[in-house]
């Protein structure tokens, strides 16, 4: 049995992934996907700033100018979008709650935990 990877032409972005070839995605489609993903995150952040901390996919899609299924397509599930926001946009969530980021490392850790709980409804895993 030959386990060598099959040759891939230079014109595609196909790669071997556990024996299955990945589908070619043009640069235009990739950039369009990145813009849609950013619009979804920005829409969710603007709704959070307005006081809705866990908006639904329908509202996010309407605000972002895309179909609600795009939220699922880009993030897998709504709770995964909330996790991305909790991890990558902590200061925006704190600001929406009326708090400013703490300088003290212990207080900052508590604020990170608070943002995680507000956005996901769960405690952080230890």
Protein backbone atom coordinates (compact mmCIF):
# COMPACT_ATOMS: atom_id res chain seq x y z
CA UNK A 1 0.00 0.00 0.00
CA UNK A 2 1.42 3.34 -1.06
CA UNK A 3 0.99 5.99 1.68
CA UNK A 4 2.59 8.85 -0.27
CA UNK A 5 0.41 11.92 -0.76
CA UNK A 6 -1.05 12.43 -4.20
CA UNK A 7 0.50 15.28 -6.21
CA UNK A 8 -1.46 18.53 -6.09
CA UNK A 9 -1.43 21.05 -8.92
CA UNK A 10 -0.11 24.48 -8.04
CA UNK A 11 -3.27 26.23 -9.26
CA UNK A 12 -5.44 24.97 -6.39
CA UNK A 13 -5.40 25.15 -2.65
CA UNK A 14 -6.32 21.48 -2.30
CA UNK A 15 -4.46 19.59 0.40
CA UNK A 16 -4.60 16.05 1.67
CA UNK A 17 -6.53 15.93 4.93
CA UNK A 18 -6.71 12.45 6.46
CA UNK A 19 -6.94 10.92 3.00
CA UNK A 20 -9.65 13.29 1.71
CA UNK A 21 -8.79 16.14 -0.64
CA UNK A 22 -10.04 19.59 0.33
CA UNK A 23 -12.23 21.53 -2.06
CA UNK A 24 -10.73 24.40 -4.04
CA UNK A 25 -11.81 27.83 -2.80
CA UNK A 26 -11.02 30.90 -4.88
CA UNK A 27 -9.43 33.93 -3.29
CA UNK A 28 -12.58 35.97 -3.97
CA UNK A 29 -14.83 33.47 -2.13
CA UNK A 30 -12.36 33.27 0.78
CA UNK A 31 -12.29 37.08 1.14
CA UNK A 32 -16.08 37.24 0.84
CA UNK A 33 -16.35 34.68 3.63
CA UNK A 34 -13.97 36.68 5.79
CA UNK A 35 -16.06 39.83 5.22
CA UNK A 36 -19.27 38.00 6.11
CA UNK A 37 -17.70 36.55 9.25
CA UNK A 38 -16.48 40.02 10.29
CA UNK A 39 -19.93 41.51 9.59
CA UNK A 40 -21.56 38.85 11.77
CA UNK A 41 -19.17 39.54 14.66
CA UNK A 42 -19.60 43.30 14.25
CA UNK A 43 -23.40 42.96 14.21
CA UNK A 44 -23.32 40.85 17.37
CA UNK A 45 -21.00 43.38 19.06
CA UNK A 46 -23.29 46.29 18.19
CA UNK A 47 -26.24 44.39 19.65
CA UNK A 48 -24.23 43.65 22.77
CA UNK A 49 -23.37 47.35 23.06
CA UNK A 50 -27.11 48.04 22.90
CA UNK A 51 -27.68 45.67 25.83
CA UNK A 52 -28.64 42.38 24.14
CA UNK A 53 -25.86 40.08 25.33
CA UNK A 54 -26.98 36.89 23.55
CA UNK A 55 -28.77 37.93 20.36
CA UNK A 56 -30.35 35.22 18.22
CA UNK A 57 -29.15 34.26 14.72
CA UNK A 58 -32.15 35.90 13.06
CA UNK A 59 -31.38 39.30 14.61
CA UNK A 60 -27.64 38.98 13.95
CA UNK A 61 -28.24 38.03 10.32
CA UNK A 62 -30.62 40.95 9.81
CA UNK A 63 -28.13 43.39 11.34
CA UNK A 64 -25.21 41.93 9.36
CA UNK A 65 -27.13 41.90 6.08
CA UNK A 66 -26.88 38.15 5.60
CA UNK A 67 -29.06 35.10 6.05
CA UNK A 68 -29.31 33.70 9.60
CA UNK A 69 -27.88 30.41 8.34
CA UNK A 70 -24.63 32.27 7.61
CA UNK A 71 -24.10 32.50 11.36
CA UNK A 72 -24.22 28.71 11.58
CA UNK A 73 -22.14 28.27 8.43
CA UNK A 74 -19.33 30.51 9.67
CA UNK A 75 -19.33 29.58 13.36
CA UNK A 76 -20.93 26.14 13.51
CA UNK A 77 -23.40 27.13 16.22
CA UNK A 78 -24.57 30.28 17.95
CA UNK A 79 -22.88 29.38 21.23
CA UNK A 80 -19.55 29.12 19.36
CA UNK A 81 -20.02 32.70 18.12
CA UNK A 82 -20.54 33.75 21.73
CA UNK A 83 -17.30 32.00 22.68
CA UNK A 84 -15.40 33.86 19.94
CA UNK A 85 -16.82 37.15 21.22
CA UNK A 86 -15.94 36.30 24.84
CA UNK A 87 -12.36 35.40 23.87
CA UNK A 88 -11.56 38.03 21.25
CA UNK A 89 -13.76 41.02 22.16
CA UNK A 90 -13.67 41.02 25.94
CA UNK A 91 -13.21 44.79 26.26
CA UNK A 92 -16.30 45.50 24.10
CA UNK A 93 -18.42 43.25 26.31
CA UNK A 94 -17.03 44.85 29.47
CA UNK A 95 -17.80 48.29 28.05
CA UNK A 96 -21.37 47.19 27.26
CA UNK A 97 -21.72 46.11 30.90
CA UNK A 98 -20.52 49.53 32.04
CA UNK A 99 -17.12 48.30 33.27
CA UNK A 100 -13.64 49.33 32.28
CA UNK A 101 -10.84 46.75 31.97
CA UNK A 102 -8.96 46.34 35.24
CA UNK A 103 -5.22 46.95 35.53
CA UNK A 104 -4.79 44.47 38.38
CA UNK A 105 -4.12 40.95 37.00
CA UNK A 106 -6.41 39.27 39.54
CA UNK A 107 -9.29 41.64 38.82
CA UNK A 108 -8.68 41.25 35.05
CA UNK A 109 -8.93 37.46 35.43
CA UNK A 110 -12.23 37.88 37.27
CA UNK A 111 -13.47 40.17 34.51
CA UNK A 112 -12.51 37.59 31.86
CA UNK A 113 -14.48 34.98 33.79
CA UNK A 114 -17.43 37.37 34.08
CA UNK A 115 -17.42 38.05 30.33
CA UNK A 116 -17.25 34.31 29.65
CA UNK A 117 -20.22 33.63 31.93
CA UNK A 118 -22.29 36.48 30.44
CA UNK A 119 -21.64 35.39 26.87
CA UNK A 120 -21.78 31.60 27.22
CA UNK A 121 -23.91 31.08 30.31
CA UNK A 122 -21.27 28.67 31.62
CA UNK A 123 -18.35 28.71 33.98
CA UNK A 124 -14.90 28.45 32.46
CA UNK A 125 -13.27 25.06 32.55
CA UNK A 126 -10.39 24.94 35.06
